[in-house]
Amino acid sequence: NDMTGDPDFNMSSYDYWQYWRNTEDADVGRFLRLFSEIPTDEIAKLES
């Protein structure tokens, strides 16, 4: 997200957050396990 570099290869933190916020319902649990460090028992509650 270094906007002083080539803008074609950067993404703002806002756009990045929005990308993950728009995750499909069925992918939430899987992505939480892979891309966060939330304990798996808490993830099970979130994906339910």
All heavy atoms as atom14 arrays in JSON, in Angstrom:
{
  "sequence": "NDMTGDPDFNMSSYDYWQYWRNTEDADVGRFLRLFSEIPTDEIAKLES",
  "atom14_mask": [
    [1, 1, 1, 1, 1, 1, 1, 1, 0, 0, 0, 0, 0, 0],
    [1, 1, 1, 1, 1, 1, 1, 1, 0, 0, 0, 0, 0, 0],
    [1, 1, 1, 1, 1, 1, 1, 1, 0, 0, 0, 0, 0, 0],
    [1, 1, 1, 1, 1, 1, 1, 0, 0, 0, 0, 0, 0, 0],
    [1, 1, 1, 1, 0, 0, 0, 0, 0, 0, 0, 0, 0, 0],
    [1, 1, 1, 1, 1, 1, 1, 1, 0, 0, 0, 0, 0, 0],
    [1, 1, 1, 1, 1, 1, 1, 0, 0, 0, 0, 0, 0, 0],
    [1, 1, 1, 1, 1, 1, 1, 1, 0, 0, 0, 0, 0, 0],
    [1, 1, 1, 1, 1, 1, 1, 1, 1, 1, 1, 0, 0, 0],
    [1, 1, 1, 1, 1, 1, 1, 1, 0, 0, 0, 0, 0, 0],
    [1, 1, 1, 1, 1, 1, 1, 1, 0, 0, 0, 0, 0, 0],
    [1, 1, 1, 1, 1, 1, 0, 0, 0, 0, 0, 0, 0, 0],
    [1, 1, 1, 1, 1, 1, 0, 0, 0, 0, 0, 0, 0, 0],
    [1, 1, 1, 1, 1, 1, 1, 1, 1, 1, 1, 1, 0, 0],
    [1, 1, 1, 1, 1, 1, 1, 1, 0, 0, 0, 0, 0, 0],
    [1, 1, 1, 1, 1, 1, 1, 1, 1, 1, 1, 1, 0, 0],
    [1, 1, 1, 1, 1, 1, 1, 1, 1, 1, 1, 1, 1, 1],
    [1, 1, 1, 1, 1, 1, 1, 1, 1, 0, 0, 0, 0, 0],
    [1, 1, 1, 1, 1, 1, 1, 1, 1, 1, 1, 1, 0, 0],
    [1, 1, 1, 1, 1, 1, 1, 1, 1, 1, 1, 1, 1, 1],
    [1, 1, 1, 1, 1, 1, 1, 1, 1, 1, 1, 0, 0, 0],
    [1, 1, 1, 1, 1, 1, 1, 1, 0, 0, 0, 0, 0, 0],
    [1, 1, 1, 1, 1, 1, 1, 0, 0, 0, 0, 0, 0, 0],
    [1, 1, 1, 1, 1, 1, 1, 1, 1, 0, 0, 0, 0, 0],
    [1, 1, 1, 1, 1, 1, 1, 1, 0, 0, 0, 0, 0, 0],
    [1, 1, 1, 1, 1, 0, 0, 0, 0, 0, 0, 0, 0, 0],
    [1, 1, 1, 1, 1, 1, 1, 1, 0, 0, 0, 0, 0, 0],
    [1, 1, 1, 1, 1, 1, 1, 0, 0, 0, 0, 0, 0, 0],
    [1, 1, 1, 1, 0, 0, 0, 0, 0, 0, 0, 0, 0, 0],
    [1, 1, 1, 1, 1, 1, 1, 1, 1, 1, 1, 0, 0, 0],
    [1, 1, 1, 1, 1, 1, 1, 1, 1, 1, 1, 0, 0, 0],
    [1, 1, 1, 1, 1, 1, 1, 1, 0, 0, 0, 0, 0, 0],
    [1, 1, 1, 1, 1, 1, 1, 1, 1, 1, 1, 0, 0, 0],
    [1, 1, 1, 1, 1, 1, 1, 1, 0, 0, 0, 0, 0, 0],
    [1, 1, 1, 1, 1, 1, 1, 1, 1, 1, 1, 0, 0, 0],
    [1, 1, 1, 1, 1, 1, 0, 0, 0, 0, 0, 0, 0, 0],
    [1, 1, 1, 1, 1, 1, 1, 1, 1, 0, 0, 0, 0, 0],
    [1, 1, 1, 1, 1, 1, 1, 1, 0, 0, 0, 0, 0, 0],
    [1, 1, 1, 1, 1, 1, 1, 0, 0, 0, 0, 0, 0, 0],
    [1, 1, 1, 1, 1, 1, 1, 0, 0, 0, 0, 0, 0, 0],
    [1, 1, 1, 1, 1, 1, 1, 1, 0, 0, 0, 0, 0, 0],
    [1, 1, 1, 1, 1, 1, 1, 1, 1, 0, 0, 0, 0, 0],
    [1, 1, 1, 1, 1, 1, 1, 1, 0, 0, 0, 0, 0, 0],
    [1, 1, 1, 1, 1, 0, 0, 0, 0, 0, 0, 0, 0, 0],
    [1, 1, 1, 1, 1, 1, 1, 1, 1, 0, 0, 0, 0, 0],
    [1, 1, 1, 1, 1, 1, 1, 1, 0, 0, 0, 0, 0, 0],
    [1, 1, 1, 1, 1, 1, 1, 1, 1, 0, 0, 0, 0, 0],
    [1, 1, 1, 1, 1, 1, 0, 0, 0, 0, 0, 0, 0, 0]
  ],
  "atom14_positions": [
    [[0.82, -1.21, 0.0], [0.0, 0.0, 0.0], [0.85, 1.26, 0.0], [0.41, 2.31, 0.45], [-0.95, 0.01, 1.2], [-0.24, 0.14, 2.52], [0.89, -0.31, 2.67], [-0.89, 0.76, 3.51], [0.0, 0.0, 0.0], [0.0, 0.0, 0.0], [0.0, 0.0, 0.0], [0.0, 0.0, 0.0], [0.0, 0.0, 0.0], [0.0, 0.0, 0.0]],
    [[2.08, 1.16, -0.5], [2.95, 2.32, -0.61], [2.55, 3.12, -1.83], [2.95, 2.85, -2.95], [4.42, 1.88, -0.73], [5.38, 3.05, -0.89], [4.96, 4.2, -0.69], [6.54, 2.8, -1.24], [0.0, 0.0, 0.0], [0.0, 0.0, 0.0], [0.0, 0.0, 0.0], [0.0, 0.0, 0.0], [0.0, 0.0, 0.0], [0.0, 0.0, 0.0]],
    [[1.74, 4.15, -1.62], [1.17, 4.89, -2.74], [2.19, 5.78, -3.44], [1.88, 6.44, -4.42], [-0.03, 5.72, -2.28], [-1.15, 4.86, -1.69], [-1.65, 3.46, -2.74], [-2.33, 4.31, -4.15], [0.0, 0.0, 0.0], [0.0, 0.0, 0.0], [0.0, 0.0, 0.0], [0.0, 0.0, 0.0], [0.0, 0.0, 0.0], [0.0, 0.0, 0.0]],
    [[3.43, 5.81, -2.94], [4.48, 6.54, -3.65], [5.07, 5.69, -4.77], [5.8, 6.18, -5.61], [5.61, 6.94, -2.69], [6.22, 5.75, -2.13], [5.08, 7.8, -1.55], [0.0, 0.0, 0.0], [0.0, 0.0, 0.0], [0.0, 0.0, 0.0], [0.0, 0.0, 0.0], [0.0, 0.0, 0.0], [0.0, 0.0, 0.0], [0.0, 0.0, 0.0]],
    [[4.74, 4.4, -4.77], [5.22, 3.51, -5.8], [4.28, 3.45, -6.98], [3.49, 4.35, -7.22], [0.0, 0.0, 0.0], [0.0, 0.0, 0.0], [0.0, 0.0, 0.0], [0.0, 0.0, 0.0], [0.0, 0.0, 0.0], [0.0, 0.0, 0.0], [0.0, 0.0, 0.0], [0.0, 0.0, 0.0], [0.0, 0.0, 0.0], [0.0, 0.0, 0.0]],
    [[4.37, 2.37, -7.72], [3.52, 2.19, -8.9], [2.09, 1.92, -8.45], [1.83, 0.88, -7.83], [4.06, 1.03, -9.74], [3.34, 0.9, -11.08], [2.22, 1.41, -11.22], [3.92, 0.28, -11.99], [0.0, 0.0, 0.0], [0.0, 0.0, 0.0], [0.0, 0.0, 0.0], [0.0, 0.0, 0.0], [0.0, 0.0, 0.0], [0.0, 0.0, 0.0]],
    [[1.14, 2.81, -8.76], [-0.23, 2.6, -8.28], [-0.88, 1.35, -8.86], [-1.87, 0.86, -8.3], [-0.96, 3.87, -8.74], [-0.14, 4.41, -9.87], [1.27, 4.05, -9.54], [0.0, 0.0, 0.0], [0.0, 0.0, 0.0], [0.0, 0.0, 0.0], [0.0, 0.0, 0.0], [0.0, 0.0, 0.0], [0.0, 0.0, 0.0], [0.0, 0.0, 0.0]],
    [[-0.35, 0.82, -9.96], [-0.91, -0.4, -10.53], [-0.65, -1.62, -9.67], [-1.26, -2.67, -9.89], [-0.34, -0.63, -11.93], [-0.83, 0.4, -12.94], [-1.91, 0.99, -12.72], [-0.12, 0.62, -13.95], [0.0, 0.0, 0.0], [0.0, 0.0, 0.0], [0.0, 0.0, 0.0], [0.0, 0.0, 0.0], [0.0, 0.0, 0.0], [0.0, 0.0, 0.0]],
    [[0.27, -1.5, -8.71], [0.62, -2.63, -7.86], [0.47, -2.3, -6.38], [1.18, -2.85, -5.53], [2.06, -3.09, -8.17], [2.24, -3.58, -9.58], [2.73, -2.74, -10.56], [1.88, -4.86, -9.92], [2.87, -3.17, -11.87], [2.02, -5.31, -11.24], [2.51, -4.47, -12.22], [0.0, 0.0, 0.0], [0.0, 0.0, 0.0], [0.0, 0.0, 0.0]],
    [[-0.43, -1.41, -6.08], [-0.73, -1.04, -4.71], [-2.24, -1.06, -4.48], [-3.02, -0.95, -5.41], [-0.19, 0.36, -4.39], [1.31, 0.39, -4.28], [1.86, -0.1, -3.31], [1.97, 0.96, -5.29], [0.0, 0.0, 0.0], [0.0, 0.0, 0.0], [0.0, 0.0, 0.0], [0.0, 0.0, 0.0], [0.0, 0.0, 0.0], [0.0, 0.0, 0.0]],
    [[-2.62, -1.21, -3.24], [-4.03, -1.17, -2.87], [-4.15, -0.49, -1.52], [-3.42, -0.81, -0.58], [-4.63, -2.57, -2.83], [-6.06, -2.61, -2.32], [-6.88, -4.21, -2.54], [-7.5, -4.05, -4.22], [0.0, 0.0, 0.0], [0.0, 0.0, 0.0], [0.0, 0.0, 0.0], [0.0, 0.0, 0.0], [0.0, 0.0, 0.0], [0.0, 0.0, 0.0]],
    [[-5.08, 0.46, -1.4], [-5.28, 1.16, -0.14], [-5.81, 0.21, 0.92], [-6.44, -0.82, 0.61], [-6.24, 2.33, -0.33], [-7.57, 1.87, -0.54], [0.0, 0.0, 0.0], [0.0, 0.0, 0.0], [0.0, 0.0, 0.0], [0.0, 0.0, 0.0], [0.0, 0.0, 0.0], [0.0, 0.0, 0.0], [0.0, 0.0, 0.0], [0.0, 0.0, 0.0]],
    [[-5.58, 0.54, 2.17], [-6.09, -0.28, 3.27], [-7.61, -0.34, 3.25], [-8.21, -1.37, 3.6], [-5.59, 0.25, 4.61], [-5.9, 1.62, 4.77], [0.0, 0.0, 0.0], [0.0, 0.0, 0.0], [0.0, 0.0, 0.0], [0.0, 0.0, 0.0], [0.0, 0.0, 0.0], [0.0, 0.0, 0.0], [0.0, 0.0, 0.0], [0.0, 0.0, 0.0]],
    [[-8.25, 0.75, 2.82], [-9.71, 0.76, 2.72], [-10.19, -0.25, 1.69], [-11.09, -1.05, 1.96], [-10.19, 2.16, 2.36], [-11.67, 2.22, 2.02], [-12.63, 2.27, 3.02], [-12.1, 2.17, 0.7], [-13.98, 2.29, 2.71], [-13.46, 2.2, 0.38], [-14.39, 2.26, 1.39], [-15.73, 2.27, 1.08], [0.0, 0.0, 0.0], [0.0, 0.0, 0.0]],
    [[-9.62, -0.24, 0.48], [-10.03, -1.18, -0.57], [-9.72, -2.62, -0.16], [-10.48, -3.55, -0.49], [-9.34, -0.85, -1.88], [-9.9, 0.4, -2.55], [-11.07, 0.73, -2.29], [-9.17, 1.06, -3.32], [0.0, 0.0, 0.0], [0.0, 0.0, 0.0], [0.0, 0.0, 0.0], [0.0, 0.0, 0.0], [0.0, 0.0, 0.0], [0.0, 0.0, 0.0]],
    [[-8.6, -2.8, 0.54], [-8.23, -4.13, 1.01], [-9.26, -4.64, 2.02], [-9.71, -5.79, 1.94], [-6.84, -4.06, 1.64], [-6.21, -5.4, 1.93], [-5.68, -6.18, 0.91], [-6.09, -5.87, 3.24], [-5.08, -7.4, 1.18], [-5.49, -7.08, 3.52], [-4.99, -7.84, 2.48], [-4.39, -9.05, 2.77], [0.0, 0.0, 0.0], [0.0, 0.0, 0.0]],
    [[-9.64, -3.79, 2.96], [-10.65, -4.17, 3.94], [-11.96, -4.51, 3.24], [-12.61, -5.51, 3.56], [-10.87, -3.02, 4.94], [-11.71, -3.36, 6.13], [-11.29, -3.8, 7.34], [-13.15, -3.29, 6.22], [-12.35, -4.01, 8.19], [-13.51, -3.69, 7.52], [-14.16, -2.91, 5.33], [-14.83, -3.74, 7.96], [-15.48, -2.97, 5.76], [-15.81, -3.37, 7.05]],
    [[-12.35, -3.7, 2.27], [-13.59, -3.93, 1.55], [-13.58, -5.27, 0.8], [-14.61, -5.96, 0.74], [-13.83, -2.8, 0.54], [-14.53, -1.59, 1.13], [-15.95, -1.91, 1.56], [-16.28, -1.89, 2.73], [-16.78, -2.21, 0.61], [0.0, 0.0, 0.0], [0.0, 0.0, 0.0], [0.0, 0.0, 0.0], [0.0, 0.0, 0.0], [0.0, 0.0, 0.0]],
    [[-12.44, -5.64, 0.23], [-12.36, -6.91, -0.48], [-12.73, -8.07, 0.44], [-13.53, -8.94, 0.08], [-10.95, -7.11, -1.03], [-10.72, -8.49, -1.62], [-11.2, -8.81, -2.88], [-10.03, -9.47, -0.9], [-11.0, -10.07, -3.42], [-9.82, -10.73, -1.43], [-10.31, -11.03, -2.69], [-10.12, -12.29, -3.22], [0.0, 0.0, 0.0], [0.0, 0.0, 0.0]],
    [[-12.18, -8.08, 1.65], [-12.46, -9.17, 2.57], [-13.85, -9.04, 3.19], [-14.49, -10.07, 3.49], [-11.38, -9.23, 3.65], [-10.03, -9.56, 3.07], [-8.98, -8.71, 2.9], [-9.61, -10.81, 2.54], [-7.92, -9.36, 2.3], [-8.29, -10.65, 2.06], [-10.23, -12.06, 2.43], [-7.56, -11.69, 1.48], [-9.51, -13.1, 1.85], [-8.19, -12.91, 1.39]],
    [[-14.33, -7.83, 3.38], [-15.69, -7.64, 3.88], [-16.72, -8.24, 2.91], [-17.79, -8.71, 3.33], [-15.96, -6.14, 4.08], [-17.42, -5.72, 4.22], [-18.1, -6.34, 5.41], [-19.49, -5.91, 5.52], [-20.49, -6.47, 4.85], [-20.26, -7.49, 4.04], [-21.73, -6.03, 5.01], [0.0, 0.0, 0.0], [0.0, 0.0, 0.0], [0.0, 0.0, 0.0]],
    [[-16.41, -8.26, 1.65], [-17.32, -8.77, 0.63], [-17.17, -10.27, 0.39], [-17.67, -10.8, -0.61], [-17.13, -8.01, -0.68], [-17.53, -6.56, -0.56], [-18.4, -6.2, 0.23], [-16.87, -5.69, -1.32], [0.0, 0.0, 0.0], [0.0, 0.0, 0.0], [0.0, 0.0, 0.0], [0.0, 0.0, 0.0], [0.0, 0.0, 0.0], [0.0, 0.0, 0.0]],
    [[-16.48, -10.97, 1.29], [-16.34, -12.42, 1.2], [-17.71, -13.09, 1.11], [-18.66, -12.68, 1.78], [-15.58, -12.95, 2.42], [-14.23, -12.45, 2.39], [-15.54, -14.47, 2.45], [0.0, 0.0, 0.0], [0.0, 0.0, 0.0], [0.0, 0.0, 0.0], [0.0, 0.0, 0.0], [0.0, 0.0, 0.0], [0.0, 0.0, 0.0], [0.0, 0.0, 0.0]],
    [[-17.79, -14.13, 0.26], [-19.04, -14.88, 0.18], [-19.33, -15.61, 1.5], [-18.41, -16.04, 2.2], [-18.94, -15.89, -0.97], [-18.77, -15.25, -2.34], [-18.53, -16.26, -3.45], [-19.03, -17.4, -3.31], [-17.85, -15.93, -4.44], [0.0, 0.0, 0.0], [0.0, 0.0, 0.0], [0.0, 0.0, 0.0], [0.0, 0.0, 0.0], [0.0, 0.0, 0.0]],
    [[-20.6, -15.73, 1.84], [-21.0, -16.33, 3.11], [-20.33, -17.68, 3.35], [-19.85, -17.97, 4.45], [-22.52, -16.51, 3.16], [-23.28, -15.19, 3.22], [-22.64, -14.13, 3.15], [-24.53, -15.23, 3.32], [0.0, 0.0, 0.0], [0.0, 0.0, 0.0], [0.0, 0.0, 0.0], [0.0, 0.0, 0.0], [0.0, 0.0, 0.0], [0.0, 0.0, 0.0]],
    [[-20.29, -18.51, 2.31], [-19.78, -19.87, 2.45], [-18.27, -19.93, 2.7], [-17.75, -20.97, 3.1], [-20.13, -20.68, 1.21], [0.0, 0.0, 0.0], [0.0, 0.0, 0.0], [0.0, 0.0, 0.0], [0.0, 0.0, 0.0], [0.0, 0.0, 0.0], [0.0, 0.0, 0.0], [0.0, 0.0, 0.0], [0.0, 0.0, 0.0], [0.0, 0.0, 0.0]],
    [[-17.57, -18.82, 2.46], [-16.12, -18.81, 2.59], [-15.63, -18.23, 3.91], [-14.43, -18.26, 4.19], [-15.49, -18.0, 1.44], [-15.67, -18.66, 0.1], [-15.66, -19.9, 0.04], [-15.82, -17.93, -0.92], [0.0, 0.0, 0.0], [0.0, 0.0, 0.0], [0.0, 0.0, 0.0], [0.0, 0.0, 0.0], [0.0, 0.0, 0.0], [0.0, 0.0, 0.0]],
    [[-16.52, -17.68, 4.73], [-16.11, -16.94, 5.91], [-15.27, -17.81, 6.86], [-14.18, -17.43, 7.29], [-17.32, -16.36, 6.65], [-16.9, -15.79, 8.01], [-17.97, -15.26, 5.82], [0.0, 0.0, 0.0], [0.0, 0.0, 0.0], [0.0, 0.0, 0.0], [0.0, 0.0, 0.0], [0.0, 0.0, 0.0], [0.0, 0.0, 0.0], [0.0, 0.0, 0.0]],
    [[-15.77, -18.99, 7.21], [-15.06, -19.85, 8.14], [-13.7, -20.29, 7.62], [-12.69, -20.26, 8.33], [0.0, 0.0, 0.0], [0.0, 0.0, 0.0], [0.0, 0.0, 0.0], [0.0, 0.0, 0.0], [0.0, 0.0, 0.0], [0.0, 0.0, 0.0], [0.0, 0.0, 0.0], [0.0, 0.0, 0.0], [0.0, 0.0, 0.0], [0.0, 0.0, 0.0]],
    [[-13.68, -20.7, 6.36], [-12.43, -21.16, 5.74], [-11.39, -20.05, 5.72], [-10.21, -20.27, 6.05], [-12.72, -21.65, 4.33], [-11.54, -22.22, 3.58], [-12.01, -22.99, 2.35], [-12.85, -22.17, 1.48], [-12.61, -21.95, 0.18], [-11.57, -22.52, -0.4], [-13.42, -21.2, -0.54], [0.0, 0.0, 0.0], [0.0, 0.0, 0.0], [0.0, 0.0, 0.0]],
    [[-11.79, -18.85, 5.35], [-10.85, -17.74, 5.27], [-10.39, -17.29, 6.67], [-9.24, -16.88, 6.85], [-11.48, -16.56, 4.52], [-11.63, -16.8, 3.04], [-12.22, -15.84, 2.23], [-11.18, -17.97, 2.45], [-12.35, -16.04, 0.87], [-11.32, -18.19, 1.08], [-11.92, -17.22, 0.29], [0.0, 0.0, 0.0], [0.0, 0.0, 0.0], [0.0, 0.0, 0.0]],
    [[-11.27, -17.36, 7.65], [-10.87, -17.03, 9.02], [-9.79, -17.99, 9.51], [-8.85, -17.58, 10.2], [-12.08, -17.07, 9.96], [-12.99, -15.84, 9.95], [-14.3, -16.13, 10.67], [-12.31, -14.63, 10.58], [0.0, 0.0, 0.0], [0.0, 0.0, 0.0], [0.0, 0.0, 0.0], [0.0, 0.0, 0.0], [0.0, 0.0, 0.0], [0.0, 0.0, 0.0]],
    [[-9.91, -19.27, 9.19], [-8.91, -20.25, 9.62], [-7.56, -20.0, 8.94], [-6.51, -20.13, 9.57], [-9.4, -21.67, 9.33], [-10.55, -22.11, 10.22], [-10.96, -23.57, 9.94], [-12.08, -23.95, 10.8], [-13.34, -23.75, 10.5], [-13.67, -23.21, 9.32], [-14.3, -24.09, 11.35], [0.0, 0.0, 0.0], [0.0, 0.0, 0.0], [0.0, 0.0, 0.0]],
    [[-7.6, -19.67, 7.67], [-6.36, -19.51, 6.92], [-5.69, -18.16, 7.14], [-4.46, -18.07, 7.26], [-6.64, -19.69, 5.42], [-6.99, -21.09, 4.94], [-7.49, -21.05, 3.5], [-5.78, -22.03, 5.05], [0.0, 0.0, 0.0], [0.0, 0.0, 0.0], [0.0, 0.0, 0.0], [0.0, 0.0, 0.0], [0.0, 0.0, 0.0], [0.0, 0.0, 0.0]],
    [[-6.48, -17.1, 7.19], [-5.92, -15.76, 7.09], [-5.99, -14.93, 8.36], [-5.56, -13.79, 8.38], [-6.6, -15.01, 5.96], [-6.54, -15.71, 4.63], [-7.67, -15.87, 3.85], [-5.34, -16.22, 4.17], [-7.61, -16.53, 2.63], [-5.27, -16.89, 2.95], [-6.4, -17.04, 2.19], [0.0, 0.0, 0.0], [0.0, 0.0, 0.0], [0.0, 0.0, 0.0]],
    [[-6.57, -15.48, 9.43], [-6.56, -14.8, 10.72], [-5.91, -15.72, 11.74], [-5.59, -16.87, 11.44], [-7.98, -14.43, 11.16], [-8.63, -15.53, 11.8], [0.0, 0.0, 0.0], [0.0, 0.0, 0.0], [0.0, 0.0, 0.0], [0.0, 0.0, 0.0], [0.0, 0.0, 0.0], [0.0, 0.0, 0.0], [0.0, 0.0, 0.0], [0.0, 0.0, 0.0]],
    [[-5.74, -15.22, 12.94], [-5.19, -16.03, 14.03], [-6.19, -16.18, 15.16], [-5.83, -16.44, 16.31], [-3.87, -15.41, 14.49], [-2.8, -15.51, 13.4], [-1.54, -14.75, 13.66], [-1.6, -13.75, 14.42], [-0.49, -15.12, 13.1], [0.0, 0.0, 0.0], [0.0, 0.0, 0.0], [0.0, 0.0, 0.0], [0.0, 0.0, 0.0], [0.0, 0.0, 0.0]],
    [[-7.45, -16.03, 14.83], [-8.53, -16.25, 15.78], [-8.59, -17.75, 16.11], [-8.49, -18.59, 15.21], [-9.87, -15.78, 15.19], [-9.82, -14.28, 14.89], [-11.03, -16.09, 16.13], [-11.04, -13.76, 14.15], [0.0, 0.0, 0.0], [0.0, 0.0, 0.0], [0.0, 0.0, 0.0], [0.0, 0.0, 0.0], [0.0, 0.0, 0.0], [0.0, 0.0, 0.0]],
    [[-8.73, -18.12, 17.39], [-8.83, -19.54, 17.75], [-9.96, -20.24, 16.99], [-11.01, -19.63, 16.73], [-9.1, -19.51, 19.26], [-8.53, -18.19, 19.71], [-8.75, -17.24, 18.57], [0.0, 0.0, 0.0], [0.0, 0.0, 0.0], [0.0, 0.0, 0.0], [0.0, 0.0, 0.0], [0.0, 0.0, 0.0], [0.0, 0.0, 0.0], [0.0, 0.0, 0.0]],
    [[-9.75, -21.5, 16.66], [-10.71, -22.21, 15.82], [-12.08, -22.39, 16.48], [-13.09, -22.45, 15.79], [-10.15, -23.59, 15.41], [-9.73, -24.31, 16.57], [-8.95, -23.42, 14.48], [0.0, 0.0, 0.0], [0.0, 0.0, 0.0], [0.0, 0.0, 0.0], [0.0, 0.0, 0.0], [0.0, 0.0, 0.0], [0.0, 0.0, 0.0], [0.0, 0.0, 0.0]],
    [[-12.11, -22.48, 17.83], [-13.42, -22.61, 18.48], [-14.24, -21.33, 18.33], [-15.47, -21.38, 18.17], [-13.27, -23.0, 19.95], [-12.39, -22.04, 20.74], [-11.7, -21.19, 20.12], [-12.39, -22.12, 21.99], [0.0, 0.0, 0.0], [0.0, 0.0, 0.0], [0.0, 0.0, 0.0], [0.0, 0.0, 0.0], [0.0, 0.0, 0.0], [0.0, 0.0, 0.0]],
    [[-13.56, -20.18, 18.35], [-14.26, -18.91, 18.13], [-14.69, -18.79, 16.66], [-15.77, -18.26, 16.38], [-13.35, -17.74, 18.51], [-14.04, -16.39, 18.47], [-13.16, -15.26, 18.95], [-12.21, -15.52, 19.7], [-13.41, -14.11, 18.54], [0.0, 0.0, 0.0], [0.0, 0.0, 0.0], [0.0, 0.0, 0.0], [0.0, 0.0, 0.0], [0.0, 0.0, 0.0]],
    [[-13.86, -19.29, 15.75], [-14.22, -19.26, 14.33], [-15.48, -20.09, 14.09], [-16.35, -19.7, 13.31], [-13.06, -19.78, 13.47], [-11.89, -18.78, 13.51], [-13.51, -20.0, 12.02], [-10.63, -19.29, 12.82], [0.0, 0.0, 0.0], [0.0, 0.0, 0.0], [0.0, 0.0, 0.0], [0.0, 0.0, 0.0], [0.0, 0.0, 0.0], [0.0, 0.0, 0.0]],
    [[-15.58, -21.22, 14.76], [-16.77, -22.07, 14.6], [-18.04, -21.32, 14.96], [-19.09, -21.48, 14.31], [-16.63, -23.32, 15.46], [0.0, 0.0, 0.0], [0.0, 0.0, 0.0], [0.0, 0.0, 0.0], [0.0, 0.0, 0.0], [0.0, 0.0, 0.0], [0.0, 0.0, 0.0], [0.0, 0.0, 0.0], [0.0, 0.0, 0.0], [0.0, 0.0, 0.0]],
    [[-17.98, -20.47, 15.98], [-19.15, -19.67, 16.37], [-19.46, -18.61, 15.31], [-20.62, -18.38, 14.97], [-18.89, -18.99, 17.71], [-18.71, -19.97, 18.88], [-18.36, -19.22, 20.17], [-18.1, -20.19, 21.32], [-17.68, -19.48, 22.55], [0.0, 0.0, 0.0], [0.0, 0.0, 0.0], [0.0, 0.0, 0.0], [0.0, 0.0, 0.0], [0.0, 0.0, 0.0]],
    [[-18.4, -17.98, 14.78], [-18.6, -16.93, 13.79], [-19.2, -17.47, 12.5], [-20.1, -16.87, 11.91], [-17.27, -16.23, 13.49], [-16.72, -15.31, 14.59], [-15.28, -14.91, 14.3], [-17.58, -14.06, 14.73], [0.0, 0.0, 0.0], [0.0, 0.0, 0.0], [0.0, 0.0, 0.0], [0.0, 0.0, 0.0], [0.0, 0.0, 0.0], [0.0, 0.0, 0.0]],
    [[-18.71, -18.62, 12.04], [-19.2, -19.14, 10.77], [-20.6, -19.74, 10.88], [-21.24, -20.0, 9.87], [-18.23, -20.18, 10.21], [-18.14, -21.46, 10.96], [-17.17, -22.44, 10.31], [-17.01, -22.41, 9.08], [-16.56, -23.25, 11.05], [0.0, 0.0, 0.0], [0.0, 0.0, 0.0], [0.0, 0.0, 0.0], [0.0, 0.0, 0.0], [0.0, 0.0, 0.0]],
    [[-21.07, -19.96, 12.11], [-22.41, -20.49, 12.3], [-23.48, -19.4, 12.29], [-24.68, -19.71, 12.3], [-22.5, -21.26, 13.62], [-22.36, -20.38, 14.74], [0.0, 0.0, 0.0], [0.0, 0.0, 0.0], [0.0, 0.0, 0.0], [0.0, 0.0, 0.0], [0.0, 0.0, 0.0], [0.0, 0.0, 0.0], [0.0, 0.0, 0.0], [0.0, 0.0, 0.0]]
  ]
}
